[in-house]
Amino acid sequence: MSSRQETILKAWNGAWGNGDLSSFERILAPDYIRRSKTGTEDFASLQETIKAMQSAFPDSTIEILQMVEDGDRVAIHWQTQGTHKGEFMDVPATGRAVTVSGASFLRFEDDKLAEEWVVWDPRELLSALGIWHLGS
């Protein structure tokens, strides 16, 4: 594992797994932007997302399943698990255990994370919560 990958692993586990936003902030470029199919977020907005996730799933853990690095780019395949103990995405606590996976594609500038593209399917989460059924 490269030094950059170790740094990413520590930041991801700190922020998404433990709610330690400073661990993630330390690796960010000043103009960091996170992109998804729902739009873009800066770090201030991402902090609110992480806080909401931590509040709704206080026992959440994140596992980096795979990382691939090529120059200033890193691809991450991740999986998050937790118990739904608080409201999230307008869904009241269900007490259900959930597992959600996705991928993040990162671009670095001078060893700082400048841009992230995140891909995950919210229907996977809603299905685990018993709100949405994906079918067979």
N, C-alpha and C. Protein backbone atom coordinates (compact mmCIF):
# COMPACT_ATOMS: atom_id res chain seq x y z
N MET A 1 0.85 -1.18 0.00
CA MET A 1 0.00 0.00 0.00
C MET A 1 0.90 1.23 0.00
N SER A 2 0.56 2.17 -0.87
CA SER A 2 1.36 3.39 -0.98
C SER A 2 1.09 4.32 0.19
N SER A 3 1.94 5.30 0.35
CA SER A 3 1.76 6.32 1.39
C SER A 3 0.45 7.07 1.19
N ARG A 4 0.12 7.40 -0.05
CA ARG A 4 -1.13 8.10 -0.35
C ARG A 4 -2.33 7.22 0.05
N GLN A 5 -2.27 5.94 -0.27
CA GLN A 5 -3.36 5.03 0.07
C GLN A 5 -3.53 4.91 1.59
N GLU A 6 -2.44 4.86 2.31
CA GLU A 6 -2.51 4.83 3.78
C GLU A 6 -3.15 6.09 4.33
N THR A 7 -2.80 7.24 3.75
CA THR A 7 -3.39 8.53 4.16
C THR A 7 -4.89 8.54 3.90
N ILE A 8 -5.30 8.06 2.73
CA ILE A 8 -6.72 7.99 2.38
C ILE A 8 -7.45 7.07 3.35
N LEU A 9 -6.90 5.91 3.60
CA LEU A 9 -7.53 4.94 4.50
C LEU A 9 -7.75 5.55 5.89
N LYS A 10 -6.76 6.22 6.41
CA LYS A 10 -6.87 6.86 7.72
C LYS A 10 -7.94 7.96 7.72
N ALA A 11 -7.96 8.77 6.67
CA ALA A 11 -8.93 9.87 6.57
C ALA A 11 -10.36 9.32 6.43
N TRP A 12 -10.55 8.32 5.59
CA TRP A 12 -11.88 7.75 5.37
C TRP A 12 -12.40 7.11 6.64
N ASN A 13 -11.56 6.30 7.29
CA ASN A 13 -11.99 5.65 8.54
C ASN A 13 -12.26 6.69 9.62
N GLY A 14 -11.45 7.72 9.69
CA GLY A 14 -11.66 8.77 10.68
C GLY A 14 -12.97 9.50 10.47
N ALA A 15 -13.22 9.94 9.25
CA ALA A 15 -14.42 10.75 8.97
C ALA A 15 -15.68 9.90 8.92
N TRP A 16 -15.72 8.93 8.02
CA TRP A 16 -16.95 8.15 7.82
C TRP A 16 -17.17 7.12 8.91
N GLY A 17 -16.09 6.57 9.46
CA GLY A 17 -16.23 5.54 10.49
C GLY A 17 -16.37 6.09 11.89
N ASN A 18 -15.66 7.19 12.18
CA ASN A 18 -15.63 7.71 13.56
C ASN A 18 -16.18 9.12 13.70
N GLY A 19 -16.55 9.75 12.59
CA GLY A 19 -17.08 11.11 12.66
C GLY A 19 -16.02 12.16 12.92
N ASP A 20 -14.74 11.80 12.78
CA ASP A 20 -13.63 12.74 12.99
C ASP A 20 -13.38 13.52 11.70
N LEU A 21 -14.08 14.63 11.56
CA LEU A 21 -14.01 15.41 10.32
C LEU A 21 -12.64 16.01 10.08
N SER A 22 -11.90 16.28 11.14
CA SER A 22 -10.57 16.88 10.97
C SER A 22 -9.62 15.93 10.25
N SER A 23 -9.81 14.62 10.43
CA SER A 23 -8.93 13.66 9.76
C SER A 23 -9.11 13.74 8.24
N PHE A 24 -10.32 14.03 7.80
CA PHE A 24 -10.59 14.15 6.36
C PHE A 24 -10.15 15.52 5.87
N GLU A 25 -10.42 16.54 6.66
CA GLU A 25 -10.08 17.91 6.25
C GLU A 25 -8.59 18.07 6.01
N ARG A 26 -7.76 17.35 6.77
CA ARG A 26 -6.31 17.47 6.63
C ARG A 26 -5.79 17.09 5.24
N ILE A 27 -6.53 16.23 4.52
CA ILE A 27 -6.04 15.80 3.21
C ILE A 27 -6.63 16.62 2.06
N LEU A 28 -7.52 17.57 2.37
CA LEU A 28 -8.24 18.29 1.32
C LEU A 28 -7.50 19.53 0.80
N ALA A 29 -7.62 19.75 -0.50
CA ALA A 29 -7.18 21.00 -1.11
C ALA A 29 -8.19 22.08 -0.73
N PRO A 30 -7.77 23.35 -0.70
CA PRO A 30 -8.69 24.43 -0.30
C PRO A 30 -9.97 24.51 -1.13
N ASP A 31 -9.90 24.11 -2.41
CA ASP A 31 -11.07 24.20 -3.28
C ASP A 31 -11.70 22.83 -3.55
N TYR A 32 -11.55 21.90 -2.59
CA TYR A 32 -12.11 20.55 -2.71
C TYR A 32 -13.59 20.60 -3.13
N ILE A 33 -13.95 19.68 -4.03
CA ILE A 33 -15.34 19.56 -4.46
C ILE A 33 -15.68 18.06 -4.58
N ARG A 34 -16.88 17.71 -4.12
CA ARG A 34 -17.37 16.33 -4.20
C ARG A 34 -18.55 16.32 -5.17
N ARG A 35 -18.49 15.43 -6.14
CA ARG A 35 -19.52 15.36 -7.17
C ARG A 35 -20.26 14.03 -7.09
N SER A 36 -21.57 14.08 -7.28
CA SER A 36 -22.38 12.88 -7.35
C SER A 36 -23.52 13.12 -8.31
N LYS A 37 -24.36 12.12 -8.51
CA LYS A 37 -25.47 12.31 -9.45
C LYS A 37 -26.49 13.31 -8.94
N THR A 38 -26.42 13.67 -7.66
CA THR A 38 -27.36 14.66 -7.11
C THR A 38 -26.78 16.07 -7.10
N GLY A 39 -25.52 16.24 -7.49
CA GLY A 39 -24.94 17.58 -7.53
C GLY A 39 -23.53 17.61 -6.97
N THR A 40 -23.15 18.79 -6.48
CA THR A 40 -21.81 18.97 -5.93
C THR A 40 -21.88 19.43 -4.49
N GLU A 41 -20.83 19.12 -3.74
CA GLU A 41 -20.70 19.54 -2.35
C GLU A 41 -19.29 20.07 -2.12
N ASP A 42 -19.18 21.11 -1.32
CA ASP A 42 -17.88 21.51 -0.83
C ASP A 42 -17.69 20.83 0.52
N PHE A 43 -16.58 21.11 1.20
CA PHE A 43 -16.32 20.42 2.45
C PHE A 43 -17.35 20.78 3.52
N ALA A 44 -17.81 22.01 3.57
CA ALA A 44 -18.81 22.41 4.56
C ALA A 44 -20.08 21.58 4.40
N SER A 45 -20.50 21.39 3.18
CA SER A 45 -21.70 20.58 2.91
C SER A 45 -21.44 19.11 3.22
N LEU A 46 -20.26 18.62 2.86
CA LEU A 46 -19.91 17.23 3.14
C LEU A 46 -19.90 16.97 4.65
N GLN A 47 -19.44 17.93 5.42
CA GLN A 47 -19.45 17.78 6.88
C GLN A 47 -20.86 17.50 7.39
N GLU A 48 -21.84 18.22 6.85
CA GLU A 48 -23.23 18.01 7.26
C GLU A 48 -23.71 16.61 6.87
N THR A 49 -23.29 16.14 5.70
CA THR A 49 -23.64 14.79 5.26
C THR A 49 -23.06 13.75 6.22
N ILE A 50 -21.79 13.91 6.58
CA ILE A 50 -21.14 12.96 7.49
C ILE A 50 -21.79 13.01 8.87
N LYS A 51 -22.09 14.21 9.36
CA LYS A 51 -22.75 14.33 10.67
C LYS A 51 -24.12 13.65 10.66
N ALA A 52 -24.89 13.84 9.58
CA ALA A 52 -26.20 13.21 9.47
C ALA A 52 -26.07 11.69 9.45
N MET A 53 -25.07 11.20 8.74
CA MET A 53 -24.83 9.76 8.67
C MET A 53 -24.45 9.22 10.05
N GLN A 54 -23.56 9.92 10.75
CA GLN A 54 -23.13 9.49 12.08
C GLN A 54 -24.29 9.53 13.07
N SER A 55 -25.16 10.52 12.95
CA SER A 55 -26.31 10.63 13.84
C SER A 55 -27.30 9.49 13.60
N ALA A 56 -27.55 9.16 12.35
CA ALA A 56 -28.51 8.12 12.00
C ALA A 56 -27.96 6.71 12.20
N PHE A 57 -26.66 6.56 12.00
CA PHE A 57 -25.99 5.25 12.09
C PHE A 57 -24.78 5.38 13.02
N PRO A 58 -25.00 5.56 14.32
CA PRO A 58 -23.90 5.86 15.23
C PRO A 58 -22.86 4.75 15.37
N ASP A 59 -23.23 3.53 15.01
CA ASP A 59 -22.27 2.42 15.09
C ASP A 59 -21.66 2.10 13.73
N SER A 60 -21.75 3.04 12.79
CA SER A 60 -21.30 2.75 11.43
C SER A 60 -19.81 2.48 11.36
N THR A 61 -19.48 1.60 10.44
CA THR A 61 -18.09 1.29 10.13
C THR A 61 -17.94 1.37 8.61
N ILE A 62 -16.75 1.69 8.18
CA ILE A 62 -16.48 1.71 6.75
C ILE A 62 -15.30 0.80 6.48
N GLU A 63 -15.40 0.09 5.39
CA GLU A 63 -14.31 -0.80 4.99
C GLU A 63 -13.93 -0.43 3.56
N ILE A 64 -12.66 -0.20 3.36
CA ILE A 64 -12.15 0.02 2.01
C ILE A 64 -11.85 -1.37 1.44
N LEU A 65 -12.62 -1.76 0.44
CA LEU A 65 -12.49 -3.09 -0.13
C LEU A 65 -11.34 -3.17 -1.13
N GLN A 66 -11.13 -2.06 -1.84
CA GLN A 66 -10.06 -2.04 -2.83
C GLN A 66 -9.70 -0.60 -3.17
N MET A 67 -8.42 -0.36 -3.42
CA MET A 67 -7.94 0.93 -3.89
C MET A 67 -6.98 0.71 -5.04
N VAL A 68 -7.14 1.52 -6.07
CA VAL A 68 -6.25 1.46 -7.22
C VAL A 68 -5.74 2.87 -7.47
N GLU A 69 -4.44 3.01 -7.57
CA GLU A 69 -3.82 4.33 -7.75
C GLU A 69 -3.11 4.40 -9.09
N ASP A 70 -3.29 5.52 -9.78
CA ASP A 70 -2.62 5.76 -11.05
C ASP A 70 -2.28 7.24 -11.13
N GLY A 71 -1.04 7.59 -10.85
CA GLY A 71 -0.61 8.99 -10.88
C GLY A 71 -1.35 9.80 -9.83
N ASP A 72 -2.06 10.85 -10.27
CA ASP A 72 -2.77 11.71 -9.33
C ASP A 72 -4.21 11.25 -9.08
N ARG A 73 -4.55 10.04 -9.55
CA ARG A 73 -5.91 9.50 -9.42
C ARG A 73 -5.92 8.26 -8.53
N VAL A 74 -6.99 8.12 -7.74
CA VAL A 74 -7.18 6.93 -6.91
C VAL A 74 -8.65 6.54 -6.99
N ALA A 75 -8.89 5.25 -7.20
CA ALA A 75 -10.25 4.70 -7.19
C ALA A 75 -10.41 3.87 -5.92
N ILE A 76 -11.53 4.07 -5.25
CA ILE A 76 -11.81 3.36 -3.99
C ILE A 76 -13.14 2.64 -4.11
N HIS A 77 -13.15 1.35 -3.78
CA HIS A 77 -14.39 0.60 -3.65
C HIS A 77 -14.60 0.43 -2.14
N TRP A 78 -15.71 0.95 -1.61
CA TRP A 78 -15.94 0.98 -0.17
C TRP A 78 -17.27 0.33 0.18
N GLN A 79 -17.37 -0.03 1.47
CA GLN A 79 -18.61 -0.60 2.00
C GLN A 79 -18.82 -0.04 3.40
N THR A 80 -20.04 0.39 3.69
CA THR A 80 -20.40 0.93 4.99
C THR A 80 -21.48 0.06 5.61
N GLN A 81 -21.33 -0.19 6.91
CA GLN A 81 -22.33 -0.96 7.65
C GLN A 81 -22.71 -0.18 8.90
N GLY A 82 -23.96 -0.33 9.32
CA GLY A 82 -24.39 0.32 10.54
C GLY A 82 -25.84 -0.02 10.85
N THR A 83 -26.28 0.40 12.02
CA THR A 83 -27.65 0.18 12.47
C THR A 83 -28.39 1.51 12.43
N HIS A 84 -29.55 1.51 11.81
CA HIS A 84 -30.34 2.73 11.62
C HIS A 84 -31.03 3.10 12.94
N LYS A 85 -30.40 4.01 13.68
CA LYS A 85 -30.89 4.40 15.01
C LYS A 85 -31.42 5.82 15.07
N GLY A 86 -31.36 6.55 13.96
CA GLY A 86 -31.85 7.92 13.92
C GLY A 86 -32.35 8.25 12.52
N GLU A 87 -33.10 9.34 12.37
CA GLU A 87 -33.66 9.72 11.09
C GLU A 87 -32.56 9.96 10.06
N PHE A 88 -32.80 9.48 8.83
CA PHE A 88 -31.87 9.70 7.73
C PHE A 88 -32.66 9.71 6.44
N MET A 89 -32.42 10.70 5.59
CA MET A 89 -33.13 10.85 4.32
C MET A 89 -34.64 10.84 4.56
N ASP A 90 -35.06 11.53 5.62
CA ASP A 90 -36.47 11.64 6.01
C ASP A 90 -37.10 10.31 6.43
N VAL A 91 -36.27 9.31 6.72
CA VAL A 91 -36.78 8.01 7.18
C VAL A 91 -36.50 7.90 8.67
N PRO A 92 -37.57 7.72 9.50
CA PRO A 92 -37.35 7.55 10.95
C PRO A 92 -36.57 6.28 11.24
N ALA A 93 -35.93 6.22 12.39
CA ALA A 93 -35.13 5.06 12.79
C ALA A 93 -35.94 3.77 12.66
N THR A 94 -35.30 2.76 12.06
CA THR A 94 -35.95 1.46 11.89
C THR A 94 -35.31 0.38 12.76
N GLY A 95 -34.11 0.64 13.25
CA GLY A 95 -33.38 -0.37 14.02
C GLY A 95 -32.76 -1.45 13.15
N ARG A 96 -32.86 -1.31 11.86
CA ARG A 96 -32.33 -2.32 10.95
C ARG A 96 -30.83 -2.14 10.71
N ALA A 97 -30.15 -3.26 10.55
CA ALA A 97 -28.75 -3.26 10.16
C ALA A 97 -28.70 -3.11 8.64
N VAL A 98 -27.82 -2.24 8.17
CA VAL A 98 -27.72 -1.99 6.73
C VAL A 98 -26.27 -2.10 6.27
N THR A 99 -26.13 -2.46 5.02
CA THR A 99 -24.84 -2.47 4.34
C THR A 99 -25.03 -1.79 3.00
N VAL A 100 -24.18 -0.82 2.72
CA VAL A 100 -24.23 -0.07 1.46
C VAL A 100 -22.82 -0.02 0.90
N SER A 101 -22.72 -0.19 -0.42
CA SER A 101 -21.40 -0.11 -1.04
C SER A 101 -21.42 0.92 -2.15
N GLY A 102 -20.24 1.37 -2.51
CA GLY A 102 -20.10 2.35 -3.58
C GLY A 102 -18.65 2.51 -3.98
N ALA A 103 -18.42 3.54 -4.76
CA ALA A 103 -17.07 3.82 -5.24
C ALA A 103 -16.83 5.32 -5.24
N SER A 104 -15.62 5.69 -4.94
CA SER A 104 -15.19 7.08 -5.01
C SER A 104 -13.97 7.15 -5.91
N PHE A 105 -13.96 8.15 -6.76
CA PHE A 105 -12.85 8.37 -7.68
C PHE A 105 -12.25 9.72 -7.33
N LEU A 106 -10.98 9.72 -6.99
CA LEU A 106 -10.32 10.89 -6.42
C LEU A 106 -9.26 11.44 -7.37
N ARG A 107 -9.13 12.77 -7.34
CA ARG A 107 -8.06 13.44 -8.08
C ARG A 107 -7.29 14.31 -7.10
N PHE A 108 -5.99 14.14 -7.08
CA PHE A 108 -5.14 14.88 -6.16
C PHE A 108 -4.37 15.97 -6.89
N GLU A 109 -4.10 17.05 -6.17
CA GLU A 109 -3.20 18.12 -6.61
C GLU A 109 -2.20 18.34 -5.49
N ASP A 110 -0.93 18.16 -5.79
CA ASP A 110 0.13 18.36 -4.79
C ASP A 110 -0.19 17.64 -3.48
N ASP A 111 -0.54 16.36 -3.57
CA ASP A 111 -0.84 15.51 -2.41
C ASP A 111 -2.06 15.94 -1.61
N LYS A 112 -2.90 16.78 -2.15
CA LYS A 112 -4.16 17.16 -1.51
C LYS A 112 -5.32 16.72 -2.40
N LEU A 113 -6.37 16.23 -1.77
CA LEU A 113 -7.56 15.79 -2.50
C LEU A 113 -8.32 17.00 -3.02
N ALA A 114 -8.37 17.14 -4.34
CA ALA A 114 -9.00 18.30 -4.97
C ALA A 114 -10.43 17.99 -5.44
N GLU A 115 -10.63 16.77 -5.91
CA GLU A 115 -11.92 16.44 -6.50
C GLU A 115 -12.26 14.99 -6.21
N GLU A 116 -13.55 14.76 -5.90
CA GLU A 116 -14.04 13.41 -5.65
C GLU A 116 -15.33 13.21 -6.43
N TRP A 117 -15.43 12.07 -7.10
CA TRP A 117 -16.67 11.67 -7.74
C TRP A 117 -17.13 10.43 -6.98
N VAL A 118 -18.31 10.48 -6.40
CA VAL A 118 -18.82 9.36 -5.62
C VAL A 118 -20.02 8.74 -6.32
N VAL A 119 -20.06 7.42 -6.33
CA VAL A 119 -21.13 6.67 -6.96
C VAL A 119 -21.64 5.63 -5.97
N TRP A 120 -22.93 5.73 -5.64
CA TRP A 120 -23.59 4.71 -4.83
C TRP A 120 -25.08 4.79 -5.14
N ASP A 121 -25.81 3.75 -4.80
CA ASP A 121 -27.22 3.68 -5.13
C ASP A 121 -28.04 3.84 -3.85
N PRO A 122 -28.67 5.00 -3.64
CA PRO A 122 -29.48 5.21 -2.44
C PRO A 122 -30.61 4.18 -2.30
N ARG A 123 -31.03 3.58 -3.41
CA ARG A 123 -32.08 2.56 -3.33
C ARG A 123 -31.60 1.34 -2.55
N GLU A 124 -30.28 1.07 -2.57
CA GLU A 124 -29.72 -0.03 -1.79
C GLU A 124 -29.95 0.22 -0.30
N LEU A 125 -29.75 1.45 0.13
CA LEU A 125 -29.99 1.83 1.52
C LEU A 125 -31.48 1.76 1.85
N LEU A 126 -32.30 2.35 1.01
CA LEU A 126 -33.74 2.35 1.25
C LEU A 126 -34.31 0.94 1.26
N SER A 127 -33.78 0.06 0.43
CA SER A 127 -34.21 -1.33 0.43
C SER A 127 -33.83 -2.00 1.75
N ALA A 128 -32.62 -1.76 2.23
CA ALA A 128 -32.19 -2.34 3.51
C ALA A 128 -33.03 -1.83 4.67
N LEU A 129 -33.56 -0.61 4.53
CA LEU A 129 -34.41 -0.04 5.58
C LEU A 129 -35.87 -0.47 5.44
N GLY A 130 -36.18 -1.23 4.38
CA GLY A 130 -37.53 -1.71 4.16
C GLY A 130 -38.44 -0.67 3.54
N ILE A 131 -37.87 0.39 2.97
CA ILE A 131 -38.64 1.48 2.38
C ILE A 131 -38.86 1.27 0.89
N TRP A 132 -37.89 0.72 0.21
CA TRP A 132 -37.90 0.58 -1.24
C TRP A 132 -37.50 -0.86 -1.54
N HIS A 133 -38.17 -1.51 -2.43
CA HIS A 133 -37.83 -2.88 -2.78
C HIS A 133 -37.21 -2.91 -4.16
N LEU A 134 -36.03 -3.50 -4.25
CA LEU A 134 -35.31 -3.54 -5.52
C LEU A 134 -35.82 -4.60 -6.46
N GLY A 135 -36.60 -5.54 -5.96
CA GLY A 135 -37.10 -6.63 -6.79
C GLY A 135 -36.11 -7.78 -6.85
N SER A 136 -36.45 -8.78 -7.60
CA SER A 136 -35.58 -9.96 -7.65
C SER A 136 -34.77 -10.00 -8.91
